[in-house]
Amino acid sequence: MSNNNRPRLDGKVFVVTGATKGIGTSIAERIVCEGGRVVITGRDSQAGTRLVDAMGADFCFFVNADITTVEGCSRGIMAATERFGRLDGLVNNAGIFPRASLLETDEDLLDTVLAVDLKGAFHSCRFAIPVMAEMGGGSIVNVGSTHAWGGSKRLAAYAVSKGALWTLTQHIAMNYASDRIRANWVTVGWVETPGETSRLAQEGRDEAWLRSEGARRVPLGRLQSGDDIAYAVVYLLADESAQVTGTAIHVTGGFLP
């Protein structure tokens, strides 16, 4: 047994989409804590600049990119090699989840959700895989949801997008292993983020409700944190998961798909 005290992601470079808030920020921060360097993408330049200042420009670089466009998907990947000289992994975290049932979802809403939650990840993978393959391999982690396996009635488009993202994960795992590309998925349950807190407040549910009644609805007794998700993502990015591909880690507090 080796006793290696080096950080788990030492010297590695990653791209995290949708990283200027919420879960994405937690993932980016954990990557840097584990010795990695990270390109964060998003559309909030002020938040991106604050994160770079907090993590340090030697470890974090922000790219203002709209992943609903093909050009926006390529920008983060290109920035990794231009800024840090390599790319070891991609975390497709960006996502939106407007509430609407199947019968309430018109063409515009469906297209908007698919553009962010599915097409953005698809094209980001399309650009990242050749770069990582040329460098000897890499790891893709798609941030998913329990809703991929059916989903609640008022998250129809989101459920469809996440179901397709799970299929994309398995497709990459099956077809690009020979290039030493791994692809895995982290299932997200109910996560306490500023965005979720704000949404619940609009429904008249404050943080006290979230910590009491909300927590009681989770089998393990509390909502997940961004760090809970980030720890699982880092495992899938690190060398210790070198033989793990095509799998899902459920970080859901006991909610099973």
C-alpha atoms as a PDB file:
ATOM      1  CA  MET A   1       0.000   0.000   0.000  1.00  0.00           C
ATOM      2  CA  SER A   2       1.435   3.359  -1.023  1.00  0.00           C
ATOM      3  CA  ASN A   3       1.359   6.301   1.318  1.00  0.00           C
ATOM      4  CA  ASN A   4       0.896   9.153  -1.094  1.00  0.00           C
ATOM      5  CA  ASN A   5       0.295  12.478   0.565  1.00  0.00           C
ATOM      6  CA  ARG A   6      -0.054  14.397  -2.683  1.00  0.00           C
ATOM      7  CA  PRO A   7      -3.424  16.085  -3.231  1.00  0.00           C
ATOM      8  CA  ARG A   8      -5.811  13.829  -5.123  1.00  0.00           C
ATOM      9  CA  LEU A   9      -6.056  16.125  -8.149  1.00  0.00           C
ATOM     10  CA  ASP A  10      -2.511  17.460  -8.081  1.00  0.00           C
ATOM     11  CA  GLY A  11      -1.501  18.912 -11.445  1.00  0.00           C
ATOM     12  CA  LYS A  12      -4.792  18.099 -13.146  1.00  0.00           C
ATOM     13  CA  VAL A  13      -6.997  20.564 -15.015  1.00  0.00           C
ATOM     14  CA  PHE A  14     -10.784  20.489 -15.230  1.00  0.00           C
ATOM     15  CA  VAL A  15     -13.671  22.421 -16.755  1.00  0.00           C
ATOM     16  CA  VAL A  16     -16.860  22.877 -14.725  1.00  0.00           C
ATOM     17  CA  THR A  17     -19.894  24.334 -16.481  1.00  0.00           C
ATOM     18  CA  GLY A  18     -22.431  26.458 -14.630  1.00  0.00           C
ATOM     19  CA  ALA A  19     -19.911  27.022 -11.856  1.00  0.00           C
ATOM     20  CA  THR A  20     -20.642  30.594 -10.797  1.00  0.00           C
ATOM     21  CA  LYS A  21     -23.224  29.529  -8.213  1.00  0.00           C
ATOM     22  CA  GLY A  22     -24.669  26.653  -6.250  1.00  0.00           C
ATOM     23  CA  ILE A  23     -23.414  23.120  -6.791  1.00  0.00           C
ATOM     24  CA  GLY A  24     -21.011  24.198  -9.525  1.00  0.00           C
ATOM     25  CA  THR A  25     -19.216  26.580  -7.194  1.00  0.00           C
ATOM     26  CA  SER A  26     -18.873  23.850  -4.557  1.00  0.00           C
ATOM     27  CA  ILE A  27     -17.389  21.496  -7.153  1.00  0.00           C
ATOM     28  CA  ALA A  28     -14.901  24.086  -8.403  1.00  0.00           C
ATOM     29  CA  GLU A  29     -13.807  24.955  -4.870  1.00  0.00           C
ATOM     30  CA  ARG A  30     -13.316  21.294  -3.965  1.00  0.00           C
ATOM     31  CA  ILE A  31     -11.232  20.695  -7.093  1.00  0.00           C
ATOM     32  CA  VAL A  32      -8.883  23.494  -6.090  1.00  0.00           C
ATOM     33  CA  CYS A  33      -8.764  22.240  -2.483  1.00  0.00           C
ATOM     34  CA  GLU A  34      -7.654  18.867  -3.846  1.00  0.00           C
ATOM     35  CA  GLY A  35      -4.774  20.414  -5.796  1.00  0.00           C
ATOM     36  CA  GLY A  36      -6.401  20.780  -9.196  1.00  0.00           C
ATOM     37  CA  ARG A  37      -6.878  23.755 -11.445  1.00  0.00           C
ATOM     38  CA  VAL A  38     -10.239  24.644 -12.856  1.00  0.00           C
ATOM     39  CA  VAL A  39     -11.846  26.597 -15.659  1.00  0.00           C
ATOM     40  CA  ILE A  40     -15.294  27.723 -14.560  1.00  0.00           C
ATOM     41  CA  THR A  41     -17.891  28.733 -17.115  1.00  0.00           C
ATOM     42  CA  GLY A  42     -21.077  30.710 -16.720  1.00  0.00           C
ATOM     43  CA  ARG A  43     -22.798  33.925 -17.678  1.00  0.00           C
ATOM     44  CA  ASP A  44     -22.355  35.899 -14.442  1.00  0.00           C
ATOM     45  CA  SER A  45     -19.073  37.735 -14.926  1.00  0.00           C
ATOM     46  CA  GLN A  46     -19.174  39.386 -11.506  1.00  0.00           C
ATOM     47  CA  ALA A  47     -19.621  36.062  -9.723  1.00  0.00           C
ATOM     48  CA  GLY A  48     -16.938  34.490 -11.885  1.00  0.00           C
ATOM     49  CA  THR A  49     -14.478  37.242 -11.045  1.00  0.00           C
ATOM     50  CA  ARG A  50     -15.215  36.886  -7.322  1.00  0.00           C
ATOM     51  CA  LEU A  51     -14.524  33.167  -7.468  1.00  0.00           C
ATOM     52  CA  VAL A  52     -11.232  33.657  -9.292  1.00  0.00           C
ATOM     53  CA  ASP A  53     -10.204  36.205  -6.658  1.00  0.00           C
ATOM     54  CA  ALA A  54     -11.157  33.792  -3.871  1.00  0.00           C
ATOM     55  CA  MET A  55      -9.452  30.708  -5.312  1.00  0.00           C
ATOM     56  CA  GLY A  56      -6.515  32.465  -6.938  1.00  0.00           C
ATOM     57  CA  ALA A  57      -5.776  33.141 -10.598  1.00  0.00           C
ATOM     58  CA  ASP A  58      -3.092  30.432 -10.602  1.00  0.00           C
ATOM     59  CA  PHE A  59      -5.760  27.835  -9.885  1.00  0.00           C
ATOM     60  CA  CYS A  60      -8.996  29.193 -11.329  1.00  0.00           C
ATOM     61  CA  PHE A  61      -9.923  30.864 -14.612  1.00  0.00           C
ATOM     62  CA  PHE A  62     -13.357  32.171 -15.545  1.00  0.00           C
ATOM     63  CA  VAL A  63     -14.845  32.038 -19.026  1.00  0.00           C
ATOM     64  CA  ASN A  64     -18.057  33.897 -19.788  1.00  0.00           C
ATOM     65  CA  ALA A  65     -19.741  31.305 -21.958  1.00  0.00           C
ATOM     66  CA  ASP A  66     -23.285  30.543 -23.022  1.00  0.00           C
ATOM     67  CA  ILE A  67     -23.473  26.767 -23.378  1.00  0.00           C
ATOM     68  CA  THR A  68     -26.715  26.985 -25.333  1.00  0.00           C
ATOM     69  CA  THR A  69     -24.423  27.793 -28.266  1.00  0.00           C
ATOM     70  CA  VAL A  70     -21.846  25.490 -29.817  1.00  0.00           C
ATOM     71  CA  GLU A  71     -19.272  28.273 -29.653  1.00  0.00           C
ATOM     72  CA  GLY A  72     -19.952  28.733 -25.958  1.00  0.00           C
ATOM     73  CA  CYS A  73     -19.401  25.025 -25.315  1.00  0.00           C
ATOM     74  CA  SER A  74     -16.039  25.100 -27.066  1.00  0.00           C
ATOM     75  CA  ARG A  75     -14.762  28.168 -25.236  1.00  0.00           C
ATOM     76  CA  GLY A  76     -14.317  26.522 -21.861  1.00  0.00           C
ATOM     77  CA  ILE A  77     -12.486  23.543 -23.353  1.00  0.00           C
ATOM     78  CA  MET A  78     -10.191  25.778 -25.371  1.00  0.00           C
ATOM     79  CA  ALA A  79      -9.509  27.944 -22.321  1.00  0.00           C
ATOM     80  CA  ALA A  80      -8.273  24.943 -20.332  1.00  0.00           C
ATOM     81  CA  THR A  81      -5.530  24.131 -22.814  1.00  0.00           C
ATOM     82  CA  GLU A  82      -4.680  27.753 -23.524  1.00  0.00           C
ATOM     83  CA  ARG A  83      -4.521  28.803 -19.876  1.00  0.00           C
ATOM     84  CA  PHE A  84      -3.260  25.654 -18.147  1.00  0.00           C
ATOM     85  CA  GLY A  85      -1.844  23.546 -20.982  1.00  0.00           C
ATOM     86  CA  ARG A  86      -3.986  20.450 -20.593  1.00  0.00           C
ATOM     87  CA  LEU A  87      -7.426  19.024 -19.867  1.00  0.00           C
ATOM     88  CA  ASP A  88      -8.022  16.058 -17.559  1.00  0.00           C
ATOM     89  CA  GLY A  89     -11.737  16.224 -16.983  1.00  0.00           C
ATOM     90  CA  LEU A  90     -15.085  17.863 -17.639  1.00  0.00           C
ATOM     91  CA  VAL A  91     -17.957  18.329 -15.204  1.00  0.00           C
ATOM     92  CA  ASN A  92     -21.260  19.050 -16.923  1.00  0.00           C
ATOM     93  CA  ASN A  93     -23.069  20.784 -14.096  1.00  0.00           C
ATOM     94  CA  ALA A  94     -25.032  23.586 -15.786  1.00  0.00           C
ATOM     95  CA  GLY A  95     -28.757  23.063 -15.655  1.00  0.00           C
ATOM     96  CA  ILE A  96     -32.137  24.733 -15.351  1.00  0.00           C
ATOM     97  CA  PHE A  97     -35.411  23.271 -14.094  1.00  0.00           C
ATOM     98  CA  PRO A  98     -38.462  25.452 -14.801  1.00  0.00           C
ATOM     99  CA  ARG A  99     -41.603  23.989 -13.351  1.00  0.00           C
ATOM    100  CA  ALA A 100     -44.189  22.843 -15.855  1.00  0.00           C
ATOM    101  CA  SER A 101     -46.048  19.621 -16.513  1.00  0.00           C
ATOM    102  CA  LEU A 102     -45.870  17.862 -19.866  1.00  0.00           C
ATOM    103  CA  LEU A 103     -49.205  19.407 -20.861  1.00  0.00           C
ATOM    104  CA  GLU A 104     -47.975  22.881 -19.872  1.00  0.00           C
ATOM    105  CA  THR A 105     -44.629  22.622 -21.679  1.00  0.00           C
ATOM    106  CA  ASP A 106     -44.648  24.402 -25.022  1.00  0.00           C
ATOM    107  CA  GLU A 107     -41.991  24.186 -27.721  1.00  0.00           C
ATOM    108  CA  ASP A 108     -40.047  27.213 -26.507  1.00  0.00           C
ATOM    109  CA  LEU A 109     -39.788  25.942 -22.932  1.00  0.00           C
ATOM    110  CA  LEU A 110     -38.748  22.464 -24.042  1.00  0.00           C
ATOM    111  CA  ASP A 111     -36.120  23.862 -26.396  1.00  0.00           C
ATOM    112  CA  THR A 112     -34.757  26.134 -23.663  1.00  0.00           C
ATOM    113  CA  VAL A 113     -34.357  23.296 -21.164  1.00  0.00           C
ATOM    114  CA  LEU A 114     -32.830  20.897 -23.676  1.00  0.00           C
ATOM    115  CA  ALA A 115     -30.414  23.563 -24.902  1.00  0.00           C
ATOM    116  CA  VAL A 116     -28.897  23.959 -21.433  1.00  0.00           C
ATOM    117  CA  ASP A 117     -29.382  20.591 -19.766  1.00  0.00           C
ATOM    118  CA  LEU A 118     -28.670  18.275 -22.693  1.00  0.00           C
ATOM    119  CA  LYS A 119     -27.233  19.974 -25.770  1.00  0.00           C
ATOM    120  CA  GLY A 120     -24.777  22.007 -23.703  1.00  0.00           C
ATOM    121  CA  ALA A 121     -23.400  18.824 -22.154  1.00  0.00           C
ATOM    122  CA  PHE A 122     -23.440  16.976 -25.481  1.00  0.00           C
ATOM    123  CA  HIS A 123     -21.393  19.600 -27.296  1.00  0.00           C
ATOM    124  CA  SER A 124     -19.056  20.141 -24.344  1.00  0.00           C
ATOM    125  CA  CYS A 125     -18.280  16.410 -24.426  1.00  0.00           C
ATOM    126  CA  ARG A 126     -17.851  16.572 -28.189  1.00  0.00           C
ATOM    127  CA  PHE A 127     -15.108  19.162 -27.800  1.00  0.00           C
ATOM    128  CA  ALA A 128     -13.518  17.711 -24.665  1.00  0.00           C
ATOM    129  CA  ILE A 129     -13.136  14.069 -25.695  1.00  0.00           C
ATOM    130  CA  PRO A 130     -10.598  14.579 -28.529  1.00  0.00           C
ATOM    131  CA  VAL A 131      -8.490  16.872 -26.339  1.00  0.00           C
ATOM    132  CA  MET A 132      -8.430  14.428 -23.433  1.00  0.00           C
ATOM    133  CA  ALA A 133      -7.844  11.435 -25.705  1.00  0.00           C
ATOM    134  CA  GLU A 134      -4.794  13.121 -27.204  1.00  0.00           C
ATOM    135  CA  MET A 135      -3.430  13.603 -23.689  1.00  0.00           C
ATOM    136  CA  GLY A 136      -3.931   9.971 -22.725  1.00  0.00           C
ATOM    137  CA  GLY A 137      -7.451  10.019 -21.329  1.00  0.00           C
ATOM    138  CA  GLY A 138      -9.711  11.831 -18.928  1.00  0.00           C
ATOM    139  CA  SER A 139     -12.880  11.789 -16.872  1.00  0.00           C
ATOM    140  CA  ILE A 140     -16.324  13.204 -17.624  1.00  0.00           C
ATOM    141  CA  VAL A 141     -18.802  13.631 -14.779  1.00  0.00           C
ATOM    142  CA  ASN A 142     -22.383  14.519 -15.586  1.00  0.00           C
ATOM    143  CA  VAL A 143     -24.419  15.978 -12.749  1.00  0.00           C
ATOM    144  CA  GLY A 144     -27.794  14.305 -12.923  1.00  0.00           C
ATOM    145  CA  SER A 145     -30.963  13.948 -10.914  1.00  0.00           C
ATOM    146  CA  THR A 146     -33.391  11.417  -9.503  1.00  0.00           C
ATOM    147  CA  HIS A 147     -35.860  12.947 -11.965  1.00  0.00           C
ATOM    148  CA  ALA A 148     -34.038  11.150 -14.803  1.00  0.00           C
ATOM    149  CA  TRP A 149     -36.041   8.051 -13.880  1.00  0.00           C
ATOM    150  CA  GLY A 150     -39.498   9.508 -14.449  1.00  0.00           C
ATOM    151  CA  GLY A 151     -39.502  12.693 -12.417  1.00  0.00           C
ATOM    152  CA  SER A 152     -42.195  14.711 -10.720  1.00  0.00           C
ATOM    153  CA  LYS A 153     -45.171  15.838 -12.742  1.00  0.00           C
ATOM    154  CA  ARG A 154     -44.177  19.510 -12.856  1.00  0.00           C
ATOM    155  CA  LEU A 155     -40.632  18.904 -14.047  1.00  0.00           C
ATOM    156  CA  ALA A 156     -41.411  17.248 -17.363  1.00  0.00           C
ATOM    157  CA  ALA A 157     -38.786  18.883 -19.582  1.00  0.00           C
ATOM    158  CA  TYR A 158     -36.131  18.629 -16.883  1.00  0.00           C
ATOM    159  CA  ALA A 159     -36.854  14.924 -16.382  1.00  0.00           C
ATOM    160  CA  VAL A 160     -36.573  14.261 -20.107  1.00  0.00           C
ATOM    161  CA  SER A 161     -33.301  16.181 -20.369  1.00  0.00           C
ATOM    162  CA  LYS A 162     -31.738  14.319 -17.438  1.00  0.00           C
ATOM    163  CA  GLY A 163     -32.897  10.962 -18.751  1.00  0.00           C
ATOM    164  CA  ALA A 164     -31.151  11.698 -22.035  1.00  0.00           C
ATOM    165  CA  LEU A 165     -28.050  12.896 -20.169  1.00  0.00           C
ATOM    166  CA  TRP A 166     -27.844   9.542 -18.369  1.00  0.00           C
ATOM    167  CA  THR A 167     -27.971   7.795 -21.750  1.00  0.00           C
ATOM    168  CA  LEU A 168     -25.206  10.092 -23.017  1.00  0.00           C
ATOM    169  CA  THR A 169     -23.110   9.135 -19.991  1.00  0.00           C
ATOM    170  CA  GLN A 170     -23.427   5.438 -20.765  1.00  0.00           C
ATOM    171  CA  HIS A 171     -22.855   6.000 -24.484  1.00  0.00           C
ATOM    172  CA  ILE A 172     -19.533   7.721 -23.829  1.00  0.00           C
ATOM    173  CA  ALA A 173     -18.483   5.080 -21.301  1.00  0.00           C
ATOM    174  CA  MET A 174     -19.185   2.284 -23.773  1.00  0.00           C
ATOM    175  CA  ASN A 175     -17.679   3.854 -26.871  1.00  0.00           C
ATOM    176  CA  TYR A 176     -14.667   5.862 -25.699  1.00  0.00           C
ATOM    177  CA  ALA A 177     -13.078   3.577 -23.115  1.00  0.00           C
ATOM    178  CA  SER A 178     -10.457   2.622 -25.712  1.00  0.00           C
ATOM    179  CA  ASP A 179      -9.389   6.276 -25.654  1.00  0.00           C
ATOM    180  CA  ARG A 180      -9.110   6.042 -21.848  1.00  0.00           C
ATOM    181  CA  ILE A 181     -12.113   8.322 -21.470  1.00  0.00           C
ATOM    182  CA  ARG A 182     -14.318   7.560 -18.484  1.00  0.00           C
ATOM    183  CA  ALA A 183     -17.856   8.886 -18.083  1.00  0.00           C
ATOM    184  CA  ASN A 184     -19.882   8.755 -14.897  1.00  0.00           C
ATOM    185  CA  TRP A 185     -22.905  10.372 -13.309  1.00  0.00           C
ATOM    186  CA  VAL A 186     -23.728  11.813  -9.909  1.00  0.00           C
ATOM    187  CA  THR A 187     -27.419  11.676  -9.027  1.00  0.00           C
ATOM    188  CA  VAL A 188     -28.454  14.776  -7.127  1.00  0.00           C
ATOM    189  CA  GLY A 189     -31.361  14.748  -4.716  1.00  0.00           C
ATOM    190  CA  TRP A 190     -32.662  17.788  -2.826  1.00  0.00           C
ATOM    191  CA  VAL A 191     -29.762  20.192  -2.409  1.00  0.00           C
ATOM    192  CA  GLU A 192     -29.757  23.255  -0.189  1.00  0.00           C
ATOM    193  CA  THR A 193     -28.406  26.033  -2.399  1.00  0.00           C
ATOM    194  CA  PRO A 194     -29.096  29.788  -2.404  1.00  0.00           C
ATOM    195  CA  GLY A 195     -31.259  29.260  -5.476  1.00  0.00           C
ATOM    196  CA  GLU A 196     -33.362  26.571  -3.808  1.00  0.00           C
ATOM    197  CA  THR A 197     -33.723  28.656  -0.649  1.00  0.00           C
ATOM    198  CA  SER A 198     -34.914  31.596  -2.751  1.00  0.00           C
ATOM    199  CA  ARG A 199     -37.398  29.453  -4.665  1.00  0.00           C
ATOM    200  CA  LEU A 200     -38.891  28.051  -1.471  1.00  0.00           C
ATOM    201  CA  ALA A 201     -39.124  31.538   0.037  1.00  0.00           C
ATOM    202  CA  GLN A 202     -41.327  32.551  -2.888  1.00  0.00           C
ATOM    203  CA  GLU A 203     -43.638  29.713  -1.866  1.00  0.00           C
ATOM    204  CA  GLY A 204     -43.719  30.975   1.727  1.00  0.00           C
ATOM    205  CA  ARG A 205     -41.277  28.389   3.071  1.00  0.00           C
ATOM    206  CA  ASP A 206     -38.383  29.908   4.996  1.00  0.00           C
ATOM    207  CA  GLU A 207     -35.066  28.391   6.076  1.00  0.00           C
ATOM    208  CA  ALA A 208     -36.608  27.201   9.338  1.00  0.00           C
ATOM    209  CA  TRP A 209     -39.127  25.168   7.322  1.00  0.00           C
ATOM    210  CA  LEU A 210     -36.314  23.805   5.180  1.00  0.00           C
ATOM    211  CA  ARG A 211     -34.327  22.641   8.195  1.00  0.00           C
ATOM    212  CA  SER A 212     -37.312  21.068   9.932  1.00  0.00           C
ATOM    213  CA  GLU A 213     -40.174  19.950   7.709  1.00  0.00           C
ATOM    214  CA  GLY A 214     -38.003  19.813   4.589  1.00  0.00           C
ATOM    215  CA  ALA A 215     -35.340  17.755   6.323  1.00  0.00           C
ATOM    216  CA  ARG A 216     -37.937  15.293   7.625  1.00  0.00           C
ATOM    217  CA  ARG A 217     -38.878  14.472   4.036  1.00  0.00           C
ATOM    218  CA  VAL A 218     -35.352  13.223   3.305  1.00  0.00           C
ATOM    219  CA  PRO A 219     -34.734   9.629   4.467  1.00  0.00           C
ATOM    220  CA  LEU A 220     -31.306  10.474   5.938  1.00  0.00           C
ATOM    221  CA  GLY A 221     -32.716  13.488   7.760  1.00  0.00           C
ATOM    222  CA  ARG A 222     -31.249  16.493   5.983  1.00  0.00           C
ATOM    223  CA  LEU A 223     -30.963  18.096   2.577  1.00  0.00           C
ATOM    224  CA  GLN A 224     -27.745  17.580   0.687  1.00  0.00           C
ATOM    225  CA  SER A 225     -25.144  20.332   0.558  1.00  0.00           C
ATOM    226  CA  GLY A 226     -23.064  21.420  -2.397  1.00  0.00           C
ATOM    227  CA  ASP A 227     -20.080  19.802  -0.704  1.00  0.00           C
ATOM    228  CA  ASP A 228     -21.874  16.449  -0.566  1.00  0.00           C
ATOM    229  CA  ILE A 229     -22.107  16.523  -4.354  1.00  0.00           C
ATOM    230  CA  ALA A 230     -18.586  17.868  -4.794  1.00  0.00           C
ATOM    231  CA  TYR A 231     -16.991  15.027  -2.799  1.00  0.00           C
ATOM    232  CA  ALA A 232     -18.579  12.459  -5.118  1.00  0.00           C
ATOM    233  CA  VAL A 233     -17.535  14.395  -8.210  1.00  0.00           C
ATOM    234  CA  VAL A 234     -13.926  14.634  -7.025  1.00  0.00           C
ATOM    235  CA  TYR A 235     -13.819  10.876  -6.453  1.00  0.00           C
ATOM    236  CA  LEU A 236     -14.908  10.306 -10.054  1.00  0.00           C
ATOM    237  CA  LEU A 237     -12.320  12.778 -11.340  1.00  0.00           C
ATOM    238  CA  ALA A 238      -9.463  11.323  -9.290  1.00  0.00           C
ATOM    239  CA  ASP A 239      -7.158   8.433 -10.157  1.00  0.00           C
ATOM    240  CA  GLU A 240      -8.675   6.294  -7.389  1.00  0.00           C
ATOM    241  CA  SER A 241     -11.708   5.774  -9.661  1.00  0.00           C
ATOM    242  CA  ALA A 242      -9.547   4.820 -12.661  1.00  0.00           C
ATOM    243  CA  GLN A 243     -11.566   1.632 -13.269  1.00  0.00           C
ATOM    244  CA  VAL A 244     -14.970   3.229 -12.714  1.00  0.00           C
ATOM    245  CA  THR A 245     -16.967   4.186 -15.793  1.00  0.00           C
ATOM    246  CA  GLY A 246     -20.583   4.113 -16.895  1.00  0.00           C
ATOM    247  CA  THR A 247     -21.872   4.197 -13.345  1.00  0.00           C
ATOM    248  CA  ALA A 248     -24.055   6.429 -11.180  1.00  0.00           C
ATOM    249  CA  ILE A 249     -23.368   7.534  -7.626  1.00  0.00           C
ATOM    250  CA  HIS A 250     -26.592   8.500  -5.867  1.00  0.00           C
ATOM    251  CA  VAL A 251     -25.997  11.451  -3.529  1.00  0.00           C
ATOM    252  CA  THR A 252     -29.635  11.809  -2.594  1.00  0.00           C
ATOM    253  CA  GLY A 253     -29.956  11.313   1.139  1.00  0.00           C
ATOM    254  CA  GLY A 254     -31.770   8.038   0.567  1.00  0.00           C
ATOM    255  CA  PHE A 255     -34.084   8.997  -2.298  1.00  0.00           C
ATOM    256  CA  LEU A 256     -33.666   6.193  -4.825  1.00  0.00           C
ATOM    257  CA  PRO A 257     -34.460   6.513  -8.520  1.00  0.00           C
END
